[in-house]
Amino acid sequence: MNEERFYLYPMKRAAAVLDNEERSADTCHNLERAGINLSHVNMLKGPEGLRLLDSKGTSHGLPGRFMRWLQHGDYESETLAAHSAALSQGKWLIFVPVRGKNEARRTVDILRSHGGSVISHFRRWAVQLFPRTID
């Protein structure tokens, strides 16, 4: 929870916004049951999570500002803005490591089943966005 580091492009991770602590705990329980090692899962919440996400990169010097500048022309920028807004509203943000399409799909399904929103899979050179529910 709120691990002290700069949250860059979370390559090979699925990410989602969760509404509250209860949904976050339930999500983690189901991820663990699906074989995900929770020690590799990152979660952000509250003002401290917002500070660590550092959407402008200002708290991480010139390299941090430069990385965020690079991200402002792509889906990363939209996702970063949505993540920042969610943290500002008291929601939780989860980053789950995934290997391959099958594990990514299974993880997205778990995130979705717990009300996850702004669900995305950060792959090499691409961000895949998922709707909140399947219609």
N, C-alpha and C. Protein backbone atom coordinates (compact mmCIF):
# COMPACT_ATOMS: atom_id res chain seq x y z
N MET A 1 0.84 -1.18 0.00
CA MET A 1 0.00 0.00 0.00
C MET A 1 0.88 1.24 0.00
N ASN A 2 0.64 2.12 -0.94
CA ASN A 2 1.37 3.39 -1.03
C ASN A 2 2.88 3.21 -0.86
N GLU A 3 3.42 2.26 -1.62
CA GLU A 3 4.86 2.01 -1.59
C GLU A 3 5.59 3.24 -2.12
N GLU A 4 6.60 3.67 -1.40
CA GLU A 4 7.36 4.88 -1.74
C GLU A 4 8.22 4.64 -2.98
N ARG A 5 7.73 5.10 -4.13
CA ARG A 5 8.45 5.04 -5.40
C ARG A 5 7.71 5.89 -6.41
N PHE A 6 8.30 6.09 -7.57
CA PHE A 6 7.66 6.85 -8.64
C PHE A 6 6.94 5.86 -9.54
N TYR A 7 5.65 6.04 -9.72
CA TYR A 7 4.83 5.13 -10.50
C TYR A 7 4.86 5.56 -11.96
N LEU A 8 5.80 4.98 -12.71
CA LEU A 8 5.94 5.27 -14.13
C LEU A 8 4.96 4.45 -14.94
N TYR A 9 5.24 4.26 -16.18
CA TYR A 9 4.45 3.41 -17.06
C TYR A 9 4.47 2.00 -16.49
N PRO A 10 3.34 1.48 -16.07
CA PRO A 10 3.33 0.17 -15.41
C PRO A 10 3.28 -0.99 -16.40
N MET A 11 4.33 -1.14 -17.21
CA MET A 11 4.37 -2.14 -18.26
C MET A 11 4.13 -3.55 -17.69
N LYS A 12 3.37 -4.33 -18.46
CA LYS A 12 3.00 -5.70 -18.11
C LYS A 12 2.20 -5.74 -16.82
N ARG A 13 1.32 -4.74 -16.67
CA ARG A 13 0.42 -4.68 -15.52
C ARG A 13 -0.98 -4.30 -15.97
N ALA A 14 -1.94 -4.82 -15.24
CA ALA A 14 -3.32 -4.37 -15.40
C ALA A 14 -3.56 -3.39 -14.25
N ALA A 15 -4.32 -2.36 -14.53
CA ALA A 15 -4.61 -1.35 -13.52
C ALA A 15 -6.11 -1.08 -13.50
N ALA A 16 -6.60 -0.71 -12.32
CA ALA A 16 -8.03 -0.37 -12.19
C ALA A 16 -8.24 0.53 -10.99
N VAL A 17 -9.31 1.27 -11.06
CA VAL A 17 -9.76 2.09 -9.94
C VAL A 17 -10.83 1.28 -9.21
N LEU A 18 -10.70 1.19 -7.88
CA LEU A 18 -11.69 0.51 -7.04
C LEU A 18 -12.29 1.53 -6.09
N ASP A 19 -13.56 1.36 -5.79
CA ASP A 19 -14.30 2.37 -5.04
C ASP A 19 -13.91 2.53 -3.58
N ASN A 20 -13.54 1.43 -2.92
CA ASN A 20 -13.31 1.54 -1.48
C ASN A 20 -12.44 0.39 -0.96
N GLU A 21 -12.19 0.42 0.33
CA GLU A 21 -11.33 -0.58 0.97
C GLU A 21 -11.92 -1.98 0.87
N GLU A 22 -13.23 -2.09 1.06
CA GLU A 22 -13.88 -3.41 1.01
C GLU A 22 -13.71 -4.05 -0.36
N ARG A 23 -13.95 -3.28 -1.41
CA ARG A 23 -13.78 -3.83 -2.77
C ARG A 23 -12.31 -4.15 -3.05
N SER A 24 -11.42 -3.34 -2.53
CA SER A 24 -9.99 -3.60 -2.71
C SER A 24 -9.58 -4.90 -2.03
N ALA A 25 -10.06 -5.12 -0.82
CA ALA A 25 -9.74 -6.35 -0.08
C ALA A 25 -10.31 -7.57 -0.78
N ASP A 26 -11.57 -7.48 -1.23
CA ASP A 26 -12.20 -8.59 -1.95
C ASP A 26 -11.46 -8.89 -3.25
N THR A 27 -11.05 -7.84 -3.95
CA THR A 27 -10.31 -8.01 -5.19
C THR A 27 -9.00 -8.74 -4.93
N CYS A 28 -8.27 -8.31 -3.92
CA CYS A 28 -6.99 -8.96 -3.59
C CYS A 28 -7.19 -10.42 -3.22
N HIS A 29 -8.24 -10.71 -2.47
CA HIS A 29 -8.54 -12.09 -2.09
C HIS A 29 -8.74 -12.95 -3.34
N ASN A 30 -9.53 -12.45 -4.29
CA ASN A 30 -9.79 -13.21 -5.52
C ASN A 30 -8.56 -13.30 -6.42
N LEU A 31 -7.75 -12.25 -6.45
CA LEU A 31 -6.50 -12.31 -7.23
C LEU A 31 -5.59 -13.39 -6.66
N GLU A 32 -5.49 -13.44 -5.34
CA GLU A 32 -4.65 -14.44 -4.70
C GLU A 32 -5.17 -15.85 -4.99
N ARG A 33 -6.48 -16.03 -4.94
CA ARG A 33 -7.08 -17.33 -5.26
C ARG A 33 -6.81 -17.72 -6.71
N ALA A 34 -6.63 -16.74 -7.58
CA ALA A 34 -6.34 -17.00 -9.00
C ALA A 34 -4.85 -17.22 -9.25
N GLY A 35 -4.05 -17.18 -8.19
CA GLY A 35 -2.62 -17.47 -8.33
C GLY A 35 -1.73 -16.26 -8.48
N ILE A 36 -2.26 -15.06 -8.27
CA ILE A 36 -1.45 -13.84 -8.36
C ILE A 36 -0.72 -13.65 -7.03
N ASN A 37 0.57 -13.42 -7.10
CA ASN A 37 1.38 -13.15 -5.91
C ASN A 37 1.13 -11.71 -5.46
N LEU A 38 0.44 -11.55 -4.34
CA LEU A 38 0.06 -10.21 -3.89
C LEU A 38 1.24 -9.34 -3.49
N SER A 39 2.39 -9.95 -3.24
CA SER A 39 3.56 -9.12 -2.88
C SER A 39 4.04 -8.30 -4.08
N HIS A 40 3.58 -8.64 -5.29
CA HIS A 40 3.94 -7.89 -6.49
C HIS A 40 2.86 -6.91 -6.92
N VAL A 41 1.74 -6.89 -6.20
CA VAL A 41 0.63 -5.99 -6.50
C VAL A 41 0.87 -4.66 -5.78
N ASN A 42 0.65 -3.55 -6.48
CA ASN A 42 0.78 -2.23 -5.86
C ASN A 42 -0.60 -1.60 -5.75
N MET A 43 -0.82 -0.91 -4.62
CA MET A 43 -2.07 -0.19 -4.42
C MET A 43 -1.75 1.22 -3.93
N LEU A 44 -2.54 2.16 -4.44
CA LEU A 44 -2.43 3.54 -3.99
C LEU A 44 -3.79 3.98 -3.47
N LYS A 45 -3.77 4.83 -2.43
CA LYS A 45 -5.02 5.39 -1.93
C LYS A 45 -4.74 6.72 -1.27
N GLY A 46 -5.76 7.55 -1.25
CA GLY A 46 -5.73 8.81 -0.52
C GLY A 46 -4.71 9.82 -1.00
N PRO A 47 -4.52 10.87 -0.18
CA PRO A 47 -3.58 11.94 -0.53
C PRO A 47 -2.15 11.43 -0.71
N GLU A 48 -1.76 10.44 0.08
CA GLU A 48 -0.41 9.88 -0.05
C GLU A 48 -0.26 9.16 -1.39
N GLY A 49 -1.27 8.43 -1.80
CA GLY A 49 -1.25 7.75 -3.10
C GLY A 49 -1.18 8.76 -4.24
N LEU A 50 -1.92 9.85 -4.11
CA LEU A 50 -1.90 10.90 -5.12
C LEU A 50 -0.51 11.53 -5.21
N ARG A 51 0.11 11.74 -4.06
CA ARG A 51 1.47 12.30 -4.04
C ARG A 51 2.46 11.35 -4.73
N LEU A 52 2.32 10.05 -4.46
CA LEU A 52 3.23 9.07 -5.05
C LEU A 52 3.00 8.91 -6.55
N LEU A 53 1.76 9.01 -6.99
CA LEU A 53 1.48 8.92 -8.42
C LEU A 53 2.12 10.10 -9.15
N ASP A 54 2.09 11.26 -8.53
CA ASP A 54 2.79 12.45 -9.03
C ASP A 54 2.55 12.66 -10.52
N SER A 55 1.32 12.99 -10.87
CA SER A 55 0.93 13.07 -12.28
C SER A 55 1.70 14.10 -13.09
N LYS A 56 2.31 15.08 -12.46
CA LYS A 56 3.12 16.08 -13.17
C LYS A 56 4.61 15.76 -13.10
N GLY A 57 4.99 14.83 -12.23
CA GLY A 57 6.40 14.46 -12.09
C GLY A 57 7.21 15.46 -11.29
N THR A 58 6.58 16.48 -10.73
CA THR A 58 7.30 17.56 -10.05
C THR A 58 8.05 17.11 -8.80
N SER A 59 7.54 16.09 -8.11
CA SER A 59 8.21 15.62 -6.90
C SER A 59 9.40 14.72 -7.19
N HIS A 60 9.60 14.41 -8.47
CA HIS A 60 10.69 13.50 -8.83
C HIS A 60 11.71 14.17 -9.76
N GLY A 61 11.83 15.47 -9.61
CA GLY A 61 12.87 16.22 -10.30
C GLY A 61 12.70 16.27 -11.81
N LEU A 62 13.75 16.68 -12.47
CA LEU A 62 13.75 16.81 -13.92
C LEU A 62 13.43 15.49 -14.63
N PRO A 63 14.01 14.36 -14.19
CA PRO A 63 13.66 13.10 -14.87
C PRO A 63 12.16 12.78 -14.75
N GLY A 64 11.56 13.03 -13.59
CA GLY A 64 10.14 12.78 -13.40
C GLY A 64 9.28 13.67 -14.27
N ARG A 65 9.62 14.96 -14.33
CA ARG A 65 8.87 15.88 -15.18
C ARG A 65 9.01 15.51 -16.66
N PHE A 66 10.20 15.10 -17.05
CA PHE A 66 10.43 14.70 -18.44
C PHE A 66 9.60 13.46 -18.79
N MET A 67 9.56 12.46 -17.91
CA MET A 67 8.77 11.25 -18.17
C MET A 67 7.30 11.58 -18.30
N ARG A 68 6.78 12.43 -17.42
CA ARG A 68 5.37 12.79 -17.50
C ARG A 68 5.10 13.62 -18.77
N TRP A 69 6.05 14.43 -19.18
CA TRP A 69 5.89 15.19 -20.43
C TRP A 69 5.78 14.22 -21.61
N LEU A 70 6.62 13.19 -21.64
CA LEU A 70 6.57 12.19 -22.70
C LEU A 70 5.21 11.48 -22.73
N GLN A 71 4.64 11.28 -21.55
CA GLN A 71 3.38 10.55 -21.46
C GLN A 71 2.17 11.39 -21.82
N HIS A 72 2.31 12.68 -21.97
CA HIS A 72 1.15 13.54 -22.21
C HIS A 72 0.61 13.50 -23.64
N GLY A 73 1.17 12.73 -24.52
CA GLY A 73 0.65 12.68 -25.87
C GLY A 73 -0.04 11.38 -26.19
N ASP A 74 -0.37 10.59 -25.21
CA ASP A 74 -0.85 9.25 -25.49
C ASP A 74 -1.95 8.85 -24.50
N TYR A 75 -2.38 7.58 -24.59
CA TYR A 75 -3.38 7.06 -23.66
C TYR A 75 -2.90 7.14 -22.23
N GLU A 76 -1.60 7.09 -22.04
CA GLU A 76 -1.05 7.18 -20.69
C GLU A 76 -1.51 8.47 -20.00
N SER A 77 -1.58 9.53 -20.75
CA SER A 77 -2.00 10.82 -20.20
C SER A 77 -3.44 10.76 -19.71
N GLU A 78 -4.32 10.19 -20.53
CA GLU A 78 -5.73 10.06 -20.15
C GLU A 78 -5.88 9.17 -18.92
N THR A 79 -5.17 8.07 -18.92
CA THR A 79 -5.25 7.13 -17.81
C THR A 79 -4.69 7.77 -16.54
N LEU A 80 -3.58 8.46 -16.66
CA LEU A 80 -2.96 9.14 -15.52
C LEU A 80 -3.91 10.19 -14.94
N ALA A 81 -4.59 10.94 -15.79
CA ALA A 81 -5.55 11.94 -15.32
C ALA A 81 -6.72 11.27 -14.60
N ALA A 82 -7.22 10.16 -15.16
CA ALA A 82 -8.32 9.44 -14.52
C ALA A 82 -7.89 8.85 -13.18
N HIS A 83 -6.68 8.33 -13.12
CA HIS A 83 -6.16 7.78 -11.86
C HIS A 83 -6.01 8.87 -10.81
N SER A 84 -5.49 10.01 -11.21
CA SER A 84 -5.34 11.13 -10.28
C SER A 84 -6.69 11.60 -9.76
N ALA A 85 -7.66 11.72 -10.65
CA ALA A 85 -9.00 12.15 -10.25
C ALA A 85 -9.61 11.16 -9.27
N ALA A 86 -9.45 9.87 -9.53
CA ALA A 86 -10.01 8.85 -8.65
C ALA A 86 -9.39 8.92 -7.26
N LEU A 87 -8.08 9.06 -7.20
CA LEU A 87 -7.41 9.17 -5.90
C LEU A 87 -7.87 10.42 -5.16
N SER A 88 -8.10 11.50 -5.89
CA SER A 88 -8.60 12.74 -5.28
C SER A 88 -10.00 12.55 -4.69
N GLN A 89 -10.75 11.62 -5.24
CA GLN A 89 -12.12 11.36 -4.78
C GLN A 89 -12.17 10.28 -3.69
N GLY A 90 -11.00 9.84 -3.22
CA GLY A 90 -10.97 8.85 -2.15
C GLY A 90 -11.04 7.41 -2.61
N LYS A 91 -10.88 7.18 -3.91
CA LYS A 91 -10.90 5.81 -4.43
C LYS A 91 -9.51 5.20 -4.36
N TRP A 92 -9.44 3.94 -4.66
CA TRP A 92 -8.19 3.18 -4.59
C TRP A 92 -7.74 2.83 -6.00
N LEU A 93 -6.43 2.68 -6.19
CA LEU A 93 -5.84 2.34 -7.48
C LEU A 93 -4.99 1.08 -7.28
N ILE A 94 -5.21 0.10 -8.14
CA ILE A 94 -4.47 -1.16 -8.04
C ILE A 94 -3.73 -1.44 -9.35
N PHE A 95 -2.48 -1.91 -9.21
CA PHE A 95 -1.65 -2.33 -10.35
C PHE A 95 -1.29 -3.80 -10.12
N VAL A 96 -1.69 -4.66 -11.07
CA VAL A 96 -1.49 -6.10 -10.93
C VAL A 96 -0.58 -6.59 -12.05
N PRO A 97 0.55 -7.23 -11.71
CA PRO A 97 1.41 -7.76 -12.77
C PRO A 97 0.71 -8.90 -13.50
N VAL A 98 0.83 -8.91 -14.82
CA VAL A 98 0.23 -9.96 -15.64
C VAL A 98 1.24 -10.43 -16.68
N ARG A 99 1.18 -11.72 -16.96
CA ARG A 99 2.04 -12.30 -18.00
C ARG A 99 1.14 -12.94 -19.05
N GLY A 100 1.16 -12.41 -20.21
CA GLY A 100 0.41 -12.97 -21.32
C GLY A 100 -1.05 -12.57 -21.34
N LYS A 101 -1.66 -12.84 -22.49
CA LYS A 101 -3.05 -12.42 -22.71
C LYS A 101 -4.03 -13.15 -21.80
N ASN A 102 -3.82 -14.44 -21.56
CA ASN A 102 -4.76 -15.19 -20.73
C ASN A 102 -4.78 -14.68 -19.30
N GLU A 103 -3.61 -14.45 -18.73
CA GLU A 103 -3.56 -13.93 -17.37
C GLU A 103 -4.11 -12.51 -17.31
N ALA A 104 -3.84 -11.72 -18.34
CA ALA A 104 -4.38 -10.36 -18.39
C ALA A 104 -5.90 -10.40 -18.43
N ARG A 105 -6.47 -11.26 -19.25
CA ARG A 105 -7.93 -11.37 -19.36
C ARG A 105 -8.53 -11.82 -18.04
N ARG A 106 -7.93 -12.82 -17.41
CA ARG A 106 -8.43 -13.32 -16.13
C ARG A 106 -8.38 -12.23 -15.06
N THR A 107 -7.29 -11.47 -15.05
CA THR A 107 -7.14 -10.38 -14.08
C THR A 107 -8.16 -9.28 -14.34
N VAL A 108 -8.35 -8.92 -15.60
CA VAL A 108 -9.36 -7.91 -15.95
C VAL A 108 -10.74 -8.37 -15.51
N ASP A 109 -11.05 -9.65 -15.71
CA ASP A 109 -12.35 -10.17 -15.29
C ASP A 109 -12.54 -10.04 -13.78
N ILE A 110 -11.48 -10.31 -13.01
CA ILE A 110 -11.56 -10.17 -11.55
C ILE A 110 -11.75 -8.70 -11.18
N LEU A 111 -10.98 -7.82 -11.78
CA LEU A 111 -11.11 -6.38 -11.49
C LEU A 111 -12.51 -5.90 -11.82
N ARG A 112 -13.02 -6.34 -12.95
CA ARG A 112 -14.35 -5.95 -13.39
C ARG A 112 -15.42 -6.47 -12.43
N SER A 113 -15.26 -7.71 -11.95
CA SER A 113 -16.27 -8.32 -11.08
C SER A 113 -16.38 -7.61 -9.73
N HIS A 114 -15.37 -6.82 -9.38
CA HIS A 114 -15.40 -6.08 -8.12
C HIS A 114 -15.65 -4.58 -8.35
N GLY A 115 -16.23 -4.27 -9.49
CA GLY A 115 -16.61 -2.89 -9.77
C GLY A 115 -15.47 -2.01 -10.25
N GLY A 116 -14.37 -2.62 -10.69
CA GLY A 116 -13.23 -1.84 -11.17
C GLY A 116 -13.62 -0.96 -12.35
N SER A 117 -13.07 0.23 -12.38
CA SER A 117 -13.28 1.14 -13.51
C SER A 117 -11.92 1.62 -13.99
N VAL A 118 -11.91 2.31 -15.10
CA VAL A 118 -10.66 2.77 -15.74
C VAL A 118 -9.68 1.58 -15.79
N ILE A 119 -10.19 0.46 -16.28
CA ILE A 119 -9.39 -0.76 -16.35
C ILE A 119 -8.53 -0.72 -17.60
N SER A 120 -7.25 -0.99 -17.42
CA SER A 120 -6.33 -0.96 -18.55
C SER A 120 -5.24 -2.01 -18.38
N HIS A 121 -4.70 -2.43 -19.52
CA HIS A 121 -3.57 -3.35 -19.53
C HIS A 121 -2.43 -2.63 -20.24
N PHE A 122 -1.36 -2.39 -19.50
CA PHE A 122 -0.21 -1.68 -20.05
C PHE A 122 0.74 -2.71 -20.64
N ARG A 123 0.79 -2.73 -21.98
CA ARG A 123 1.69 -3.64 -22.69
C ARG A 123 2.85 -2.83 -23.25
N ARG A 124 3.80 -3.53 -23.82
CA ARG A 124 4.91 -2.82 -24.45
C ARG A 124 4.37 -2.02 -25.62
N TRP A 125 4.58 -0.71 -25.60
CA TRP A 125 4.20 0.23 -26.64
C TRP A 125 2.69 0.41 -26.83
N ALA A 126 1.89 -0.11 -25.92
CA ALA A 126 0.44 0.05 -26.08
C ALA A 126 -0.27 -0.04 -24.74
N VAL A 127 -1.39 0.64 -24.67
CA VAL A 127 -2.27 0.54 -23.51
C VAL A 127 -3.62 0.07 -24.02
N GLN A 128 -4.09 -1.05 -23.52
CA GLN A 128 -5.40 -1.57 -23.90
C GLN A 128 -6.39 -1.18 -22.81
N LEU A 129 -7.46 -0.48 -23.22
CA LEU A 129 -8.49 -0.04 -22.29
C LEU A 129 -9.67 -1.01 -22.34
N PHE A 130 -10.28 -1.26 -21.18
CA PHE A 130 -11.40 -2.19 -21.09
C PHE A 130 -12.61 -1.45 -20.53
N PRO A 131 -13.78 -1.74 -21.07
CA PRO A 131 -15.00 -1.15 -20.49
C PRO A 131 -15.25 -1.74 -19.12
N ARG A 132 -16.00 -1.01 -18.31
CA ARG A 132 -16.30 -1.44 -16.93
C ARG A 132 -17.04 -2.77 -16.93
N THR A 133 -17.96 -2.95 -17.86
CA THR A 133 -18.72 -4.19 -17.97
C THR A 133 -18.78 -4.62 -19.41
N ILE A 134 -19.08 -5.88 -19.60
CA ILE A 134 -19.26 -6.41 -20.96
C ILE A 134 -20.74 -6.31 -21.28
N ASP A 135 -21.06 -5.64 -22.38
CA ASP A 135 -22.48 -5.50 -22.77
C ASP A 135 -22.96 -6.69 -23.54
